[in-house]
C-alpha atoms as a PDB file:
ATOM      1  CA  MET A   1       0.000   0.000   0.000  1.00  0.00           C
ATOM      2  CA  GLY A   2       2.870   2.361   0.777  1.00  0.00           C
ATOM      3  CA  VAL A   3       4.227   2.125  -2.768  1.00  0.00           C
ATOM      4  CA  THR A   4       1.000   1.918  -4.768  1.00  0.00           C
ATOM      5  CA  SER A   5      -1.290   4.172  -2.668  1.00  0.00           C
ATOM      6  CA  ASP A   6      -4.213   2.278  -4.173  1.00  0.00           C
ATOM      7  CA  PRO A   7      -5.925  -0.694  -2.482  1.00  0.00           C
ATOM      8  CA  GLU A   8      -6.845  -2.361  -5.779  1.00  0.00           C
ATOM      9  CA  ALA A   9      -3.323  -1.983  -7.159  1.00  0.00           C
ATOM     10  CA  ALA A  10      -1.913  -3.292  -3.870  1.00  0.00           C
ATOM     11  CA  ASP A  11      -4.133  -6.383  -4.172  1.00  0.00           C
ATOM     12  CA  GLU A  12      -2.894  -6.987  -7.720  1.00  0.00           C
ATOM     13  CA  VAL A  13       0.725  -6.557  -6.616  1.00  0.00           C
ATOM     14  CA  LEU A  14       0.159  -8.967  -3.733  1.00  0.00           C
ATOM     15  CA  GLN A  15      -1.313 -11.558  -6.081  1.00  0.00           C
ATOM     16  CA  ALA A  16       1.573 -11.140  -8.544  1.00  0.00           C
ATOM     17  CA  THR A  17       4.073 -11.421  -5.676  1.00  0.00           C
ATOM     18  CA  PHE A  18       2.610 -14.667  -4.429  1.00  0.00           C
ATOM     19  CA  THR A  19       2.414 -16.037  -7.948  1.00  0.00           C
ATOM     20  CA  ARG A  20       6.108 -15.249  -8.342  1.00  0.00           C
ATOM     21  CA  ALA A  21       6.814 -16.841  -4.954  1.00  0.00           C
ATOM     22  CA  MET A  22       5.076 -20.023  -6.073  1.00  0.00           C
ATOM     23  CA  GLU A  23       7.025 -20.063  -9.330  1.00  0.00           C
ATOM     24  CA  ALA A  24      10.485 -19.144  -8.110  1.00  0.00           C
ATOM     25  CA  GLY A  25      10.406 -18.963  -4.299  1.00  0.00           C
ATOM     26  CA  HIS A  26      12.224 -22.251  -4.025  1.00  0.00           C
ATOM     27  CA  THR A  27      15.324 -20.616  -5.518  1.00  0.00           C
ATOM     28  CA  ALA A  28      15.724 -18.237  -2.535  1.00  0.00           C
ATOM     29  CA  ARG A  29      17.744 -19.335   0.460  1.00  0.00           C
ATOM     30  CA  ALA A  30      15.691 -19.897   3.613  1.00  0.00           C
ATOM     31  CA  GLU A  31      17.613 -17.262   5.587  1.00  0.00           C
ATOM     32  CA  THR A  32      16.977 -14.600   2.890  1.00  0.00           C
ATOM     33  CA  LEU A  33      13.415 -15.556   1.963  1.00  0.00           C
ATOM     34  CA  LYS A  34      11.832 -12.583   3.757  1.00  0.00           C
ATOM     35  CA  GLY A  35      14.127 -10.109   1.973  1.00  0.00           C
ATOM     36  CA  TRP A  36      13.636 -11.886  -1.357  1.00  0.00           C
ATOM     37  CA  LEU A  37       9.851 -11.698  -0.965  1.00  0.00           C
ATOM     38  CA  PHE A  38      10.037  -8.016  -0.049  1.00  0.00           C
ATOM     39  CA  ARG A  39      12.188  -7.282  -3.123  1.00  0.00           C
ATOM     40  CA  VAL A  40       9.757  -9.172  -5.386  1.00  0.00           C
ATOM     41  CA  ALA A  41       6.802  -7.238  -3.921  1.00  0.00           C
ATOM     42  CA  TYR A  42       8.622  -3.928  -4.370  1.00  0.00           C
ATOM     43  CA  ASN A  43       9.560  -4.743  -7.981  1.00  0.00           C
ATOM     44  CA  GLU A  44       5.984  -5.798  -8.761  1.00  0.00           C
ATOM     45  CA  ALA A  45       4.676  -2.539  -7.258  1.00  0.00           C
ATOM     46  CA  MET A  46       7.106  -0.491  -9.344  1.00  0.00           C
ATOM     47  CA  LEU A  47       6.100  -2.421 -12.474  1.00  0.00           C
ATOM     48  CA  ALA A  48       2.429  -1.772 -11.725  1.00  0.00           C
ATOM     49  CA  GLY A  49       3.207   1.927 -11.341  1.00  0.00           C
ATOM     50  CA  ARG A  50       5.009   2.056 -14.692  1.00  0.00           C
ATOM     51  CA  LYS A  51       2.095   0.294 -16.370  1.00  0.00           C
ATOM     52  CA  ARG A  52      -0.355   2.742 -14.790  1.00  0.00           C
ATOM     53  CA  GLN A  53       1.730   5.721 -15.967  1.00  0.00           C
ATOM     54  CA  LEU A  54       1.908   4.309 -19.492  1.00  0.00           C
ATOM     55  CA  ARG A  55      -1.852   3.762 -19.537  1.00  0.00           C
ATOM     56  CA  ASP A  56      -2.492   7.277 -18.221  1.00  0.00           C
ATOM     57  CA  ARG A  57      -0.188   8.854 -20.830  1.00  0.00           C
ATOM     58  CA  SER A  58      -1.852   6.845 -23.592  1.00  0.00           C
ATOM     59  CA  LEU A  59      -5.316   7.877 -22.457  1.00  0.00           C
ATOM     60  CA  LYS A  60      -4.223  11.506 -22.239  1.00  0.00           C
ATOM     61  CA  ARG A  61      -2.805  11.417 -25.783  1.00  0.00           C
ATOM     62  CA  LEU A  62      -5.976   9.777 -27.027  1.00  0.00           C
ATOM     63  CA  ALA A  63      -8.129  12.409 -25.316  1.00  0.00           C
ATOM     64  CA  GLU A  64      -6.057  15.226 -26.821  1.00  0.00           C
ATOM     65  CA  ARG A  65      -6.493  14.000 -30.389  1.00  0.00           C
ATOM     66  CA  PRO A  66      -8.800  16.114 -32.456  1.00  0.00           C
ATOM     67  CA  ARG A  67     -12.017  14.279 -33.078  1.00  0.00           C
ATOM     68  CA  THR A  68     -13.503  13.856 -36.464  1.00  0.00           C
ATOM     69  CA  GLU A  69     -17.202  13.221 -36.551  1.00  0.00           C
ATOM     70  CA  THR A  70     -16.992  10.471 -39.123  1.00  0.00           C
ATOM     71  CA  ALA A  71     -14.306   9.330 -41.444  1.00  0.00           C
ATOM     72  CA  THR A  72     -14.924   9.888 -45.113  1.00  0.00           C
ATOM     73  CA  PRO A  73     -14.863   6.902 -47.450  1.00  0.00           C
ATOM     74  CA  GLU A  74     -11.575   8.226 -48.859  1.00  0.00           C
ATOM     75  CA  GLU A  75     -10.020   8.360 -45.379  1.00  0.00           C
ATOM     76  CA  LEU A  76     -11.196   4.832 -44.607  1.00  0.00           C
ATOM     77  CA  ALA A  77      -9.821   3.571 -47.918  1.00  0.00           C
ATOM     78  CA  SER A  78      -6.487   5.284 -47.260  1.00  0.00           C
ATOM     79  CA  LEU A  79      -6.297   3.798 -43.769  1.00  0.00           C
ATOM     80  CA  ASP A  80      -7.138   0.345 -45.107  1.00  0.00           C
ATOM     81  CA  GLU A  81      -4.441   0.699 -47.767  1.00  0.00           C
ATOM     82  CA  SER A  82      -1.880   1.766 -45.147  1.00  0.00           C
ATOM     83  CA  ILE A  83      -2.721  -1.194 -42.914  1.00  0.00           C
ATOM     84  CA  ARG A  84      -2.465  -3.575 -45.854  1.00  0.00           C
ATOM     85  CA  GLY A  85       0.886  -2.038 -46.806  1.00  0.00           C
ATOM     86  CA  VAL A  86       2.344  -2.480 -43.324  1.00  0.00           C
ATOM     87  CA  ARG A  87       1.152  -6.082 -43.205  1.00  0.00           C
ATOM     88  CA  GLU A  88       2.832  -6.737 -46.562  1.00  0.00           C
ATOM     89  CA  LEU A  89       6.065  -5.218 -45.276  1.00  0.00           C
ATOM     90  CA  ILE A  90       5.914  -7.395 -42.175  1.00  0.00           C
ATOM     91  CA  GLU A  91       5.635 -10.423 -44.471  1.00  0.00           C
ATOM     92  CA  GLU A  92       8.927  -9.366 -46.100  1.00  0.00           C
ATOM     93  CA  LEU A  93      10.834  -9.409 -42.795  1.00  0.00           C
ATOM     94  CA  PRO A  94      13.017 -12.390 -41.864  1.00  0.00           C
ATOM     95  CA  VAL A  95      11.002 -15.117 -40.117  1.00  0.00           C
ATOM     96  CA  GLU A  96      12.662 -14.498 -36.726  1.00  0.00           C
ATOM     97  CA  GLN A  97      11.750 -10.820 -36.840  1.00  0.00           C
ATOM     98  CA  GLN A  98       8.207 -11.545 -38.045  1.00  0.00           C
ATOM     99  CA  ALA A  99       7.633 -13.808 -35.048  1.00  0.00           C
ATOM    100  CA  VAL A 100       8.711 -11.142 -32.575  1.00  0.00           C
ATOM    101  CA  VAL A 101       6.696  -8.374 -34.275  1.00  0.00           C
ATOM    102  CA  ARG A 102       3.537 -10.470 -34.448  1.00  0.00           C
ATOM    103  CA  LYS A 103       3.755 -11.616 -30.839  1.00  0.00           C
ATOM    104  CA  ARG A 104       4.431  -8.090 -29.603  1.00  0.00           C
ATOM    105  CA  ILE A 105       1.964  -6.139 -31.731  1.00  0.00           C
ATOM    106  CA  TYR A 106      -0.852  -8.551 -32.527  1.00  0.00           C
ATOM    107  CA  GLU A 107      -0.739 -10.687 -29.383  1.00  0.00           C
ATOM    108  CA  ASP A 108       0.355  -7.847 -27.034  1.00  0.00           C
ATOM    109  CA  LYS A 109       2.941 -10.037 -25.301  1.00  0.00           C
ATOM    110  CA  THR A 110       5.842  -8.669 -23.295  1.00  0.00           C
ATOM    111  CA  PHE A 111       9.360  -9.131 -24.584  1.00  0.00           C
ATOM    112  CA  LYS A 112      10.097 -11.395 -21.617  1.00  0.00           C
ATOM    113  CA  VAL A 113       7.202 -13.709 -22.541  1.00  0.00           C
ATOM    114  CA  ILE A 114       8.239 -13.643 -26.199  1.00  0.00           C
ATOM    115  CA  ALA A 115      11.795 -14.585 -25.241  1.00  0.00           C
ATOM    116  CA  GLU A 116      10.500 -17.515 -23.192  1.00  0.00           C
ATOM    117  CA  GLU A 117       8.181 -18.702 -25.970  1.00  0.00           C
ATOM    118  CA  LEU A 118      10.904 -18.479 -28.615  1.00  0.00           C
ATOM    119  CA  ASP A 119      13.515 -19.925 -26.247  1.00  0.00           C
ATOM    120  CA  ALA A 120      15.790 -16.995 -27.060  1.00  0.00           C
ATOM    121  CA  PRO A 121      17.680 -14.536 -24.861  1.00  0.00           C
ATOM    122  CA  LEU A 122      15.808 -11.338 -24.051  1.00  0.00           C
ATOM    123  CA  GLY A 123      18.523  -9.237 -25.707  1.00  0.00           C
ATOM    124  CA  THR A 124      18.129 -11.193 -28.937  1.00  0.00           C
ATOM    125  CA  VAL A 125      14.370 -10.643 -28.947  1.00  0.00           C
ATOM    126  CA  LEU A 126      14.838  -6.907 -28.329  1.00  0.00           C
ATOM    127  CA  THR A 127      17.408  -6.696 -31.127  1.00  0.00           C
ATOM    128  CA  ARG A 128      15.071  -8.502 -33.531  1.00  0.00           C
ATOM    129  CA  MET A 129      12.276  -6.057 -32.727  1.00  0.00           C
ATOM    130  CA  ARG A 130      14.525  -3.023 -33.088  1.00  0.00           C
ATOM    131  CA  SER A 131      15.878  -4.314 -36.419  1.00  0.00           C
ATOM    132  CA  ALA A 132      12.371  -5.092 -37.674  1.00  0.00           C
ATOM    133  CA  LEU A 133      11.097  -1.633 -36.767  1.00  0.00           C
ATOM    134  CA  ALA A 134      14.080   0.005 -38.449  1.00  0.00           C
ATOM    135  CA  LYS A 135      13.442  -1.994 -41.641  1.00  0.00           C
ATOM    136  CA  LEU A 136       9.733  -1.198 -41.576  1.00  0.00           C
ATOM    137  CA  HIS A 137      10.458   2.486 -41.035  1.00  0.00           C
ATOM    138  CA  ARG A 138      12.922   2.546 -43.936  1.00  0.00           C
ATOM    139  CA  ARG A 139      10.557   0.704 -46.274  1.00  0.00           C
ATOM    140  CA  LEU A 140       7.601   2.927 -45.374  1.00  0.00           C
ATOM    141  CA  ALA A 141       9.710   6.028 -46.035  1.00  0.00           C
ATOM    142  CA  GLU A 142      10.722   4.578 -49.414  1.00  0.00           C
ATOM    143  CA  ARG A 143       7.073   3.901 -50.295  1.00  0.00           C
ATOM    144  CA  ASP A 144       6.091   7.445 -49.293  1.00  0.00           C
ATOM    145  CA  GLU A 145       8.815   8.861 -51.542  1.00  0.00           C
ATOM    146  CA  VAL A 146       7.612   6.762 -54.480  1.00  0.00           C
ATOM    147  CA  ASN A 147       3.982   7.761 -53.878  1.00  0.00           C
ATOM    148  CA  GLU A 148       4.886  11.463 -53.743  1.00  0.00           C
ATOM    149  CA  ARG A 149       6.467  11.348 -57.185  1.00  0.00           C
END
């Protein structure tokens, strides 16, 4: 409660802490178990706070966007074309990068979970995502240049 200042968030942190204790508590030494549990609870509370801040910033950005009453058919067609174009570019990525991008964007998985599922180091997964985004950015810029001509 002291870290989260929110009873509901504290309950979620407590549940996540005990889940973690069930999964990995056996790895802590008996004489340091109390400290280990405290550190896990603190880390879970900090993670919950970062998630809450991210959500709040996202909601604020969304609220600040100018609203359009309804999208015109041309705008919808343009959006659909853009989405199709990005999906095509994702298909052109190397298989390893495609897997990371799909799991992160379409399945909303964390990089840690993706690393576990792909049985790859976290750093490798992060590098694959960064490389994929750089390639997508480059290719989209190239397409925009071609379309402007």
